[in-house]
Amino acid sequence: MANETMKALPETKVGLLVIGAGPAGLAAAVAAYDRGVRDILICERQDFAGGILPQCIHNGFGLKRFGEELTGPEYAGRYEKMAEERGIKIEYGATVTKLSDDRRVTVLSEEGMKVYAADAVILAMGCRERPRGALPVVGTRPAGIYTAGCAQKMVNRMGLLPGREIVILGSGDIGLIMARRMTLEGAHVKAVCEVMDHPGGLRRNIVQCLDDFGIPLYLSTTVVEVEGEDRLTAVTVAEVDERRRPIPGTERRIECDTLLLSVGLIPENELTRQAGITIDPVTNGAAVRENRETSIPGVFACGNVLHVHDLVDFVSEEGEIAGNAAADYLANKEKIETAPVARITAKNGVRYTVPEYIGEGDTAKVTVFFRVSDSFRDATLVAENADGVILSKKVRRMVPGEMQRVDLPREKLVGEVVLSVAPQGN
């Protein structure tokens, strides 16, 4: 039910309210506008649009969406311009503090607190970095330990260099990109350590950010201790076993003044949980249908708040899906809600899928995004329902750091549909 505090405040009606002006939120708003929605408001807690993109000054963005290579600010600028050309209103410095299950949204800004009663809501809050406190690293708490994203902001937006002798824990894409960035700024990146037995980032970033600069990558290795009083002076790293436990006798001390953490991203789903929306336990994002509608009718989710993507181009694509679906919902609000006709279950090498549920639709195929839990070569991707195999597709290479997709025939998506990987030879 709606929170009593919400009801006590005056309400402002709005057709579509988008939470977040990052690449997902902007793409969703633009798509909804192009489908005929005119009453659109984007609430953004920062004083600028684009999410993390303004601090991503490297290129590599936009190859799939725009057919050209852009920097992060350039990519964000394209969507900002689209929103401006359409007259889409963005309210900056507006932090959404509450979301109710009847689509009432409480916003706090310099103007005070207000409530919007929205006909449809799109969740596009993005994600945040996993903090140091989540890591079981012993030692003191000296200066010089940053998340990779924090270091990126310091270097690219504030003109500050976090340190000179660098160790990076985690091979996520931001960490890999910062290894190159710090090297170009004159720092010495001594090592990138990854607790898994495979890199966490895209293959192209391994090559362009580590191999091209001779930066060593140590797999199945983690930081077990930090040293230093006022400032970090060294870290101790060790190899880990198959259960990610440090192996005694493999410890190695590396002198450094800075440790960058690139140990995972967490979808910003506090509002999602608050509204009572069903959460997928693997992605920590909302469980959605193929149109990105959540368990609450008229509330949609897209981008990194739904599941962490590897390319911003896919974030924008998903924003479009949610924006188009919100427009369809607003045009047909009297539609009777139906239960999903199918649920997709990830098994045997498939870590998760988006969507998790399939509703009624008029498209011949449904695109399912998924990630694998291990590296596979020359394997077979299999989708099956109670009647048997509905798809068997040979795949040359799949790795956990890269998003995969597959098109499944809608007419076969009934009941439980299992998506799995059959190793080579099966």
Protein backbone atom coordinates (compact mmCIF):
# COMPACT_ATOMS: atom_id res chain seq x y z
CA MET A 1 0.00 0.00 0.00
CA ALA A 2 1.08 3.60 -0.49
CA ASN A 3 3.06 5.05 2.40
CA GLU A 4 1.05 7.34 4.69
CA THR A 5 3.70 10.07 4.44
CA MET A 6 3.27 10.07 0.68
CA LYS A 7 -0.47 10.54 0.98
CA ALA A 8 0.00 13.52 3.30
CA LEU A 9 1.89 15.49 0.64
CA PRO A 10 0.27 17.19 -2.36
CA GLU A 11 0.49 15.04 -5.47
CA THR A 12 1.41 15.96 -9.03
CA LYS A 13 0.13 13.78 -11.82
CA VAL A 14 2.60 12.60 -14.47
CA GLY A 15 2.19 10.14 -17.30
CA LEU A 16 5.63 8.51 -17.31
CA LEU A 17 8.22 9.02 -14.61
CA VAL A 18 11.74 7.75 -15.29
CA ILE A 19 14.10 7.37 -12.32
CA GLY A 20 17.63 8.04 -13.54
CA ALA A 21 19.07 10.05 -16.44
CA GLY A 22 21.84 7.63 -17.34
CA PRO A 23 22.05 5.83 -20.70
CA ALA A 24 19.14 3.52 -19.81
CA GLY A 25 16.80 6.23 -18.54
CA LEU A 26 17.51 8.60 -21.42
CA ALA A 27 17.03 5.86 -24.03
CA ALA A 28 13.78 4.78 -22.35
CA ALA A 29 12.39 8.32 -22.27
CA VAL A 30 13.32 8.96 -25.90
CA ALA A 31 11.75 5.68 -27.02
CA ALA A 32 8.53 6.40 -25.10
CA TYR A 33 8.32 9.88 -26.61
CA ASP A 34 8.77 8.49 -30.11
CA ARG A 35 5.86 6.13 -29.41
CA GLY A 36 3.57 9.04 -28.60
CA VAL A 37 4.05 9.69 -24.88
CA ARG A 38 4.36 13.43 -24.19
CA ASP A 39 3.96 13.70 -20.41
CA ILE A 40 7.43 12.48 -19.38
CA LEU A 41 9.57 13.45 -16.40
CA ILE A 42 13.07 12.15 -15.64
CA CYS A 43 14.27 12.48 -12.03
CA GLU A 44 18.06 12.54 -11.70
CA ARG A 45 19.82 12.86 -8.35
CA GLN A 46 23.04 14.26 -9.87
CA ASP A 47 23.29 17.72 -11.40
CA PHE A 48 24.14 16.24 -14.80
CA ALA A 49 22.86 13.50 -17.12
CA GLY A 50 24.72 10.47 -18.43
CA GLY A 51 25.33 8.49 -15.25
CA ILE A 52 28.92 7.27 -15.11
CA LEU A 53 29.59 8.08 -18.78
CA PRO A 54 30.91 11.66 -18.25
CA GLN A 55 33.93 10.23 -16.41
CA CYS A 56 34.57 7.52 -19.04
CA ILE A 57 36.73 9.59 -21.38
CA HIS A 58 38.10 6.53 -23.23
CA ASN A 59 36.57 5.51 -26.55
CA GLY A 60 34.81 2.26 -27.46
CA PHE A 61 31.21 3.39 -26.90
CA GLY A 62 28.50 3.46 -29.56
CA LEU A 63 29.79 0.94 -32.08
CA LYS A 64 26.53 -1.02 -31.99
CA ARG A 65 24.11 1.87 -31.41
CA PHE A 66 25.61 4.54 -33.66
CA GLY A 67 28.04 2.61 -35.86
CA GLU A 68 30.97 4.73 -34.71
CA GLU A 69 33.42 4.84 -31.84
CA LEU A 70 32.65 7.47 -29.22
CA THR A 71 33.93 8.44 -25.80
CA GLY A 72 31.62 8.14 -22.80
CA PRO A 73 30.80 11.89 -22.72
CA GLU A 74 30.13 11.87 -26.46
CA TYR A 75 27.81 8.89 -26.14
CA ALA A 76 25.91 10.52 -23.27
CA GLY A 77 25.77 13.76 -25.24
CA ARG A 78 23.99 12.04 -28.12
CA TYR A 79 21.14 10.95 -25.86
CA GLU A 80 21.05 14.25 -23.97
CA LYS A 81 20.58 16.00 -27.31
CA MET A 82 17.80 13.58 -28.30
CA ALA A 83 15.98 14.27 -25.03
CA GLU A 84 16.45 18.03 -25.40
CA GLU A 85 15.20 18.03 -28.99
CA ARG A 86 12.03 16.28 -27.83
CA GLY A 87 11.50 18.63 -24.93
CA ILE A 88 11.72 15.85 -22.35
CA LYS A 89 11.95 17.39 -18.89
CA ILE A 90 14.83 16.35 -16.62
CA GLU A 91 14.68 17.40 -12.99
CA TYR A 92 18.25 17.49 -11.67
CA GLY A 93 19.24 17.22 -8.01
CA ALA A 94 16.07 15.21 -7.50
CA THR A 95 16.58 12.15 -5.31
CA VAL A 96 13.78 9.61 -5.27
CA THR A 97 13.38 8.45 -1.69
CA LYS A 98 10.25 6.31 -1.91
CA LEU A 99 8.39 4.23 -4.46
CA SER A 100 5.02 2.71 -3.63
CA ASP A 101 3.28 -0.24 -5.23
CA ASP A 102 0.67 2.12 -6.69
CA ARG A 103 3.37 4.08 -8.57
CA ARG A 104 3.56 7.05 -6.25
CA VAL A 105 7.06 8.46 -6.18
CA THR A 106 8.46 10.72 -3.45
CA VAL A 107 11.22 13.07 -4.59
CA LEU A 108 13.52 15.23 -2.47
CA SER A 109 15.20 18.26 -4.03
CA GLU A 110 16.15 21.85 -3.20
CA GLU A 111 12.49 22.71 -3.66
CA GLY A 112 11.61 20.34 -0.82
CA MET A 113 9.72 17.06 -0.86
CA LYS A 114 7.00 16.29 -3.35
CA VAL A 115 5.04 13.31 -4.57
CA TYR A 116 4.34 12.34 -8.17
CA ALA A 117 1.42 10.06 -8.96
CA ALA A 118 2.65 8.34 -12.11
CA ASP A 119 0.66 6.28 -14.56
CA ALA A 120 3.86 4.36 -15.41
CA VAL A 121 7.35 4.24 -13.91
CA ILE A 122 10.67 3.16 -15.41
CA LEU A 123 13.42 2.17 -13.01
CA ALA A 124 16.83 3.15 -14.41
CA MET A 125 18.90 3.85 -11.29
CA GLY A 126 22.03 2.08 -12.51
CA CYS A 127 24.48 0.32 -10.22
CA ARG A 128 27.22 1.05 -7.70
CA GLU A 129 30.61 -0.46 -6.97
CA ARG A 130 31.04 -3.09 -4.30
CA PRO A 131 32.80 -1.32 -1.40
CA ARG A 132 35.95 -2.36 0.42
CA GLY A 133 33.92 -3.32 3.47
CA ALA A 134 32.57 -6.31 1.55
CA LEU A 135 36.09 -7.80 1.22
CA PRO A 136 37.69 -10.04 3.86
CA VAL A 137 41.12 -8.32 3.72
CA VAL A 138 43.05 -8.09 6.97
CA GLY A 139 45.36 -5.25 7.97
CA THR A 140 45.18 -1.59 8.79
CA ARG A 141 42.98 1.04 7.17
CA PRO A 142 45.45 3.41 5.50
CA ALA A 143 44.80 5.98 2.81
CA GLY A 144 45.39 4.89 -0.77
CA ILE A 145 42.59 2.32 -1.18
CA TYR A 146 39.92 3.29 -3.71
CA THR A 147 37.29 1.67 -5.85
CA ALA A 148 38.27 1.75 -9.51
CA GLY A 149 35.32 4.02 -10.33
CA CYS A 150 36.31 6.50 -7.62
CA ALA A 151 39.86 6.59 -9.02
CA GLN A 152 38.46 7.08 -12.51
CA LYS A 153 36.45 10.08 -11.35
CA MET A 154 39.48 11.54 -9.58
CA VAL A 155 41.70 11.28 -12.66
CA ASN A 156 39.24 12.10 -15.43
CA ARG A 157 36.99 14.71 -13.80
CA MET A 158 39.02 16.17 -10.95
CA GLY A 159 42.54 16.07 -12.38
CA LEU A 160 43.91 14.16 -9.35
CA LEU A 161 46.28 11.18 -9.44
CA PRO A 162 45.44 8.64 -6.70
CA GLY A 163 48.97 7.22 -6.51
CA ARG A 164 52.15 6.16 -8.30
CA GLU A 165 52.67 2.48 -7.48
CA ILE A 166 49.43 0.63 -8.17
CA VAL A 167 47.96 -2.81 -7.53
CA ILE A 168 44.47 -3.56 -8.84
CA LEU A 169 42.25 -6.22 -7.30
CA GLY A 170 39.65 -7.51 -9.74
CA SER A 171 39.64 -7.66 -13.53
CA GLY A 172 36.31 -5.94 -14.13
CA ASP A 173 36.19 -3.59 -17.09
CA ILE A 174 36.57 -0.41 -15.03
CA GLY A 175 39.63 -1.86 -13.31
CA LEU A 176 41.17 -2.87 -16.63
CA ILE A 177 40.53 0.54 -18.15
CA MET A 178 42.04 2.23 -15.10
CA ALA A 179 45.16 0.07 -15.40
CA ARG A 180 45.73 1.64 -18.81
CA ARG A 181 44.69 5.10 -17.68
CA MET A 182 47.03 5.11 -14.70
CA THR A 183 49.89 3.89 -16.90
CA LEU A 184 49.27 6.68 -19.39
CA GLU A 185 49.37 9.17 -16.50
CA GLY A 186 52.85 7.95 -15.53
CA ALA A 187 51.95 5.57 -12.69
CA HIS A 188 53.35 2.04 -12.45
CA VAL A 189 50.68 -0.65 -12.39
CA LYS A 190 52.50 -3.59 -10.83
CA ALA A 191 49.76 -6.20 -11.02
CA VAL A 192 46.09 -6.93 -11.65
CA CYS A 193 44.87 -9.78 -9.43
CA GLU A 194 41.68 -11.74 -10.09
CA VAL A 195 40.26 -14.25 -7.59
CA MET A 196 38.47 -16.20 -10.33
CA ASP A 197 40.27 -18.43 -12.81
CA HIS A 198 39.10 -16.25 -15.68
CA PRO A 199 39.08 -12.48 -16.33
CA GLY A 200 35.98 -10.53 -15.36
CA GLY A 201 36.11 -7.99 -18.17
CA LEU A 202 35.79 -8.02 -21.93
CA ARG A 203 38.53 -9.73 -23.93
CA ARG A 204 39.24 -6.54 -25.86
CA ASN A 205 39.98 -4.73 -22.60
CA ILE A 206 42.38 -7.47 -21.50
CA VAL A 207 44.30 -6.96 -24.74
CA GLN A 208 44.12 -3.18 -25.03
CA CYS A 209 44.54 -2.31 -21.35
CA LEU A 210 46.91 -5.00 -20.04
CA ASP A 211 48.66 -6.90 -22.82
CA ASP A 212 49.48 -3.79 -24.85
CA PHE A 213 51.17 -2.23 -21.81
CA GLY A 214 52.84 -5.32 -20.40
CA ILE A 215 50.76 -5.26 -17.21
CA PRO A 216 50.65 -8.71 -15.58
CA LEU A 217 47.32 -10.39 -14.81
CA TYR A 218 47.35 -13.00 -12.05
CA LEU A 219 44.32 -15.28 -12.08
CA SER A 220 43.15 -17.30 -9.06
CA THR A 221 44.91 -14.68 -6.92
CA THR A 222 43.61 -12.25 -4.30
CA VAL A 223 44.83 -9.67 -1.80
CA VAL A 224 45.01 -11.15 1.69
CA GLU A 225 46.65 -8.31 3.65
CA VAL A 226 47.33 -4.59 3.43
CA GLU A 227 50.12 -2.68 5.18
CA GLY A 228 50.57 0.95 6.16
CA GLU A 229 49.58 3.42 8.82
CA ASP A 230 48.80 6.82 7.28
CA ARG A 231 49.33 5.61 3.69
CA LEU A 232 49.33 2.19 2.05
CA THR A 233 52.87 0.81 1.75
CA ALA A 234 52.35 -2.76 0.51
CA VAL A 235 49.86 -5.56 -0.08
CA THR A 236 50.24 -9.29 0.24
CA VAL A 237 48.68 -11.42 -2.47
CA ALA A 238 48.15 -15.17 -2.51
CA GLU A 239 46.86 -17.83 -4.87
CA VAL A 240 43.47 -19.36 -4.08
CA ASP A 241 42.04 -22.85 -4.41
CA GLU A 242 38.86 -23.89 -6.19
CA ARG A 243 36.81 -22.59 -3.24
CA ARG A 244 38.61 -19.23 -3.41
CA ARG A 245 40.49 -19.83 -0.16
CA PRO A 246 44.09 -18.54 0.05
CA ILE A 247 46.66 -21.30 -0.34
CA PRO A 248 49.30 -21.20 2.42
CA GLY A 249 52.81 -20.77 1.11
CA THR A 250 51.81 -18.86 -2.04
CA GLU A 251 51.89 -15.40 -0.42
CA ARG A 252 53.84 -12.64 -2.14
CA ARG A 253 54.40 -9.10 -0.90
CA ILE A 254 54.12 -6.21 -3.38
CA GLU A 255 55.19 -2.72 -2.35
CA CYS A 256 52.67 -0.09 -3.51
CA ASP A 257 51.02 3.12 -2.41
CA THR A 258 47.61 2.53 -4.00
CA LEU A 259 45.16 -0.36 -4.20
CA LEU A 260 42.25 -0.08 -6.65
CA LEU A 261 39.26 -2.35 -6.14
CA SER A 262 37.35 -3.56 -9.18
CA VAL A 263 35.43 -6.31 -7.44
CA GLY A 264 31.95 -6.11 -8.83
CA LEU A 265 28.94 -3.88 -9.34
CA ILE A 266 25.67 -3.96 -7.41
CA PRO A 267 22.35 -2.84 -8.95
CA GLU A 268 20.83 0.13 -7.06
CA ASN A 269 17.64 -1.66 -6.13
CA GLU A 270 16.69 -0.20 -2.75
CA LEU A 271 13.64 1.46 -4.31
CA THR A 272 12.74 -1.74 -6.14
CA ARG A 273 12.73 -3.77 -2.93
CA GLN A 274 10.90 -1.01 -1.08
CA ALA A 275 8.02 -1.23 -3.56
CA GLY A 276 7.76 -4.99 -3.02
CA ILE A 277 8.87 -5.88 -6.55
CA THR A 278 10.06 -9.47 -7.01
CA ILE A 279 13.88 -9.62 -7.12
CA ASP A 280 15.97 -12.17 -8.98
CA PRO A 281 18.41 -13.62 -6.39
CA VAL A 282 21.24 -13.94 -8.94
CA THR A 283 21.13 -10.55 -10.65
CA ASN A 284 19.84 -8.69 -7.58
CA GLY A 285 17.63 -6.82 -10.04
CA ALA A 286 13.91 -7.07 -10.69
CA ALA A 287 12.54 -10.26 -12.21
CA VAL A 288 10.93 -9.08 -15.46
CA ARG A 289 8.96 -10.15 -18.50
CA GLU A 290 10.38 -9.75 -22.00
CA ASN A 291 9.04 -6.18 -22.17
CA ARG A 292 10.94 -5.43 -18.92
CA GLU A 293 7.76 -5.07 -16.86
CA THR A 294 8.27 -6.00 -13.22
CA SER A 295 5.87 -7.81 -10.91
CA ILE A 296 4.01 -4.51 -10.41
CA PRO A 297 1.94 -3.59 -13.49
CA GLY A 298 3.10 -0.34 -15.06
CA VAL A 299 6.55 -0.43 -13.45
CA PHE A 300 9.43 -1.33 -15.75
CA ALA A 301 13.16 -1.76 -15.19
CA CYS A 302 16.13 -1.48 -17.55
CA GLY A 303 19.89 -1.09 -17.68
CA ASN A 304 22.31 -1.84 -14.88
CA VAL A 305 19.61 -1.62 -12.21
CA LEU A 306 18.16 -4.75 -13.81
CA HIS A 307 21.42 -6.63 -14.43
CA VAL A 308 24.98 -5.44 -14.91
CA HIS A 309 25.81 -5.08 -18.61
CA ASP A 310 29.17 -5.23 -20.34
CA LEU A 311 28.40 -2.63 -23.05
CA VAL A 312 26.53 0.65 -22.70
CA ASP A 313 25.06 -0.01 -26.16
CA PHE A 314 23.10 -2.91 -24.65
CA VAL A 315 22.00 -0.67 -21.76
CA SER A 316 20.46 1.73 -24.27
CA GLU A 317 18.87 -1.13 -26.20
CA GLU A 318 17.22 -2.34 -23.04
CA GLY A 319 16.11 1.20 -22.24
CA GLU A 320 14.35 1.28 -25.60
CA ILE A 321 12.56 -1.98 -24.81
CA ALA A 322 11.29 -0.57 -21.51
CA GLY A 323 10.36 2.78 -23.05
CA ASN A 324 8.36 1.17 -25.84
CA ALA A 325 6.62 -1.13 -23.36
CA ALA A 326 5.73 1.77 -21.06
CA ALA A 327 4.22 3.59 -24.02
CA ASP A 328 2.14 0.52 -24.90
CA TYR A 329 1.01 0.25 -21.29
CA LEU A 330 -0.06 3.90 -21.16
CA ALA A 331 -1.98 3.52 -24.41
CA ASN A 332 -3.86 0.49 -23.07
CA LYS A 333 -4.07 0.88 -19.29
CA GLU A 334 -7.37 -0.99 -19.11
CA LYS A 335 -5.75 -4.20 -20.35
CA ILE A 336 -6.48 -7.16 -18.08
CA GLU A 337 -3.26 -8.42 -16.51
CA THR A 338 -2.47 -12.03 -17.32
CA ALA A 339 -0.08 -14.41 -15.63
CA PRO A 340 3.16 -15.20 -17.49
CA VAL A 341 2.84 -18.05 -19.95
CA ALA A 342 6.41 -19.25 -19.38
CA ARG A 343 9.30 -19.01 -16.96
CA ILE A 344 12.90 -19.36 -18.11
CA THR A 345 15.18 -21.27 -15.75
CA ALA A 346 18.98 -21.05 -15.98
CA LYS A 347 20.84 -24.32 -15.43
CA ASN A 348 24.09 -26.17 -16.14
CA GLY A 349 26.47 -23.38 -17.08
CA VAL A 350 23.92 -20.60 -17.58
CA ARG A 351 24.08 -18.25 -14.59
CA TYR A 352 20.96 -16.17 -15.21
CA THR A 353 18.62 -14.97 -17.94
CA VAL A 354 16.78 -11.72 -18.67
CA PRO A 355 13.85 -11.93 -19.02
CA GLU A 356 12.90 -14.53 -16.45
CA TYR A 357 9.22 -14.55 -17.47
CA ILE A 358 7.45 -14.56 -20.83
CA GLY A 359 4.06 -12.96 -21.27
CA GLU A 360 1.64 -12.90 -24.15
CA GLY A 361 2.99 -11.10 -27.20
CA ASP A 362 2.73 -10.82 -30.94
CA THR A 363 6.39 -11.21 -31.96
CA ALA A 364 7.52 -14.50 -33.47
CA LYS A 365 10.70 -14.59 -31.38
CA VAL A 366 11.82 -13.50 -27.92
CA THR A 367 15.40 -12.34 -27.37
CA VAL A 368 16.85 -13.73 -24.14
CA PHE A 369 19.99 -12.21 -22.66
CA PHE A 370 22.12 -14.43 -20.43
CA ARG A 371 25.51 -14.93 -18.83
CA VAL A 372 27.40 -18.17 -18.39
CA SER A 373 29.05 -19.21 -15.13
CA ASP A 374 32.21 -20.61 -16.72
CA SER A 375 34.25 -20.37 -19.92
CA PHE A 376 33.05 -22.60 -22.76
CA ARG A 377 34.48 -23.40 -26.18
CA ASP A 378 32.73 -25.37 -28.91
CA ALA A 379 29.73 -26.00 -26.67
CA THR A 380 26.03 -26.33 -27.40
CA LEU A 381 23.40 -23.96 -26.05
CA VAL A 382 20.18 -25.86 -25.38
CA ALA A 383 16.67 -24.59 -24.66
CA GLU A 384 13.96 -27.10 -23.81
CA ASN A 385 10.46 -27.28 -22.40
CA ALA A 386 8.38 -30.19 -21.14
CA ASP A 387 7.86 -31.40 -24.71
CA GLY A 388 11.55 -31.52 -25.57
CA VAL A 389 14.33 -29.45 -27.15
CA ILE A 390 13.16 -26.21 -28.77
CA LEU A 391 16.62 -24.93 -29.69
CA SER A 392 20.09 -26.45 -29.98
CA LYS A 393 22.79 -24.05 -31.11
CA LYS A 394 26.52 -24.56 -31.47
CA VAL A 395 28.51 -21.76 -29.83
CA ARG A 396 32.21 -21.36 -30.45
CA ARG A 397 33.04 -19.34 -27.34
CA MET A 398 31.23 -18.06 -24.24
CA VAL A 399 32.87 -16.42 -21.22
CA PRO A 400 31.36 -15.04 -17.99
CA GLY A 401 32.51 -11.47 -18.66
CA GLU A 402 30.51 -11.09 -21.88
CA MET A 403 26.75 -10.88 -22.25
CA GLN A 404 25.18 -13.49 -24.54
CA ARG A 405 21.85 -13.49 -26.34
CA VAL A 406 19.67 -16.00 -28.10
CA ASP A 407 16.35 -15.74 -29.97
CA LEU A 408 13.75 -18.30 -28.93
CA PRO A 409 10.48 -19.10 -30.79
CA ARG A 410 7.61 -17.58 -28.83
CA GLU A 411 5.18 -20.37 -29.68
CA LYS A 412 7.45 -22.85 -27.86
CA LEU A 413 7.77 -20.74 -24.70
CA VAL A 414 5.21 -22.43 -22.49
CA GLY A 415 5.55 -23.56 -18.88
CA GLU A 416 9.11 -23.99 -17.65
CA VAL A 417 11.78 -23.41 -20.26
CA VAL A 418 15.31 -24.50 -19.29
CA LEU A 419 18.33 -22.81 -20.84
CA SER A 420 21.61 -24.66 -20.36
CA VAL A 421 25.01 -25.39 -21.89
CA ALA A 422 26.00 -28.85 -23.10
CA PRO A 423 29.83 -29.23 -23.19
CA GLN A 424 31.72 -30.25 -26.30
CA GLY A 425 30.88 -33.73 -27.47
CA ASN A 426 27.32 -33.78 -26.08
